[in-house]
Protein backbone atom coordinates (compact mmCIF):
# COMPACT_ATOMS: atom_id res chain seq x y z
CA MET A 1 5.79 9.15 -34.24
CA ILE A 2 2.19 9.08 -34.36
CA GLN A 3 2.59 5.19 -35.77
CA LYS A 4 4.62 4.53 -32.26
CA ILE A 5 1.79 5.98 -30.21
CA LYS A 6 -0.81 3.85 -31.76
CA GLU A 7 1.11 0.80 -31.35
CA PHE A 8 1.71 1.53 -28.05
CA PHE A 9 -1.70 1.85 -27.04
CA ARG A 10 -2.59 -1.19 -29.39
CA GLU A 11 -0.22 -3.05 -27.15
CA VAL A 12 -1.57 -1.51 -24.08
CA GLY A 13 -4.93 -2.92 -24.97
CA PHE A 14 -3.53 -6.30 -25.60
CA GLU A 15 -1.86 -6.52 -22.51
CA LEU A 16 -5.08 -5.16 -20.58
CA LYS A 17 -6.95 -8.41 -21.73
CA LYS A 18 -4.45 -10.44 -20.15
CA VAL A 19 -5.04 -8.60 -16.60
CA VAL A 20 -7.41 -11.06 -14.02
CA PHE A 21 -8.95 -8.34 -11.60
CA PRO A 22 -9.83 -9.65 -8.18
CA SER A 23 -13.56 -10.47 -7.17
CA ARG A 24 -15.59 -8.39 -4.72
CA GLU A 25 -14.92 -10.57 -2.04
CA GLU A 26 -11.18 -10.96 -2.91
CA LEU A 27 -10.87 -7.49 -3.06
CA ILE A 28 -12.63 -6.62 0.40
CA GLY A 29 -10.62 -9.47 2.16
CA SER A 30 -7.61 -7.57 1.32
CA THR A 31 -8.59 -3.97 1.95
CA TRP A 32 -9.17 -5.74 5.35
CA VAL A 33 -5.98 -7.01 5.48
CA VAL A 34 -4.41 -3.75 4.49
CA ILE A 35 -6.30 -1.67 7.24
CA ILE A 36 -5.51 -4.46 10.25
CA ALA A 37 -2.07 -4.15 9.21
CA VAL A 38 -2.13 -0.13 9.50
CA ILE A 39 -3.68 -0.37 12.67
CA ILE A 40 -1.18 -2.61 14.28
CA VAL A 41 1.82 -1.14 12.54
CA ALA A 42 0.49 2.46 13.84
CA ILE A 43 -0.10 0.89 17.56
CA PHE A 44 3.53 -0.23 17.47
CA LEU A 45 4.98 3.09 16.16
CA GLY A 46 3.09 4.94 18.62
CA ILE A 47 4.38 2.89 21.58
CA VAL A 48 7.48 3.11 20.42
CA ASP A 49 7.49 6.81 20.33
CA VAL A 50 6.35 7.48 23.85
CA GLY A 51 8.78 5.13 24.78
CA LEU A 52 11.90 6.96 23.06
CA ALA A 53 10.13 10.00 24.16
CA LYS A 54 10.43 8.96 27.94
CA ILE A 55 13.84 7.73 27.44
CA VAL A 56 15.26 10.69 25.77
CA GLU A 57 13.07 13.10 28.49
CA ARG A 58 14.85 10.90 31.58
CA LEU A 59 18.30 11.74 29.41
CA LEU A 60 17.73 15.35 29.36
CA ARG A 61 17.30 15.76 32.85
């Protein structure tokens, strides 16, 4: 069992050497894309929510 755990961590270390981490500029650019996308989706869902709430309100009157 201990041997399998050692082998697992050895393989994890080997695979980790293959990982290419993004540069600082790439990371900042990707973060801005995510922030802008979240804001756009939040605005869209807010508009849809208000619209549907008004429709339901009129149907219940």
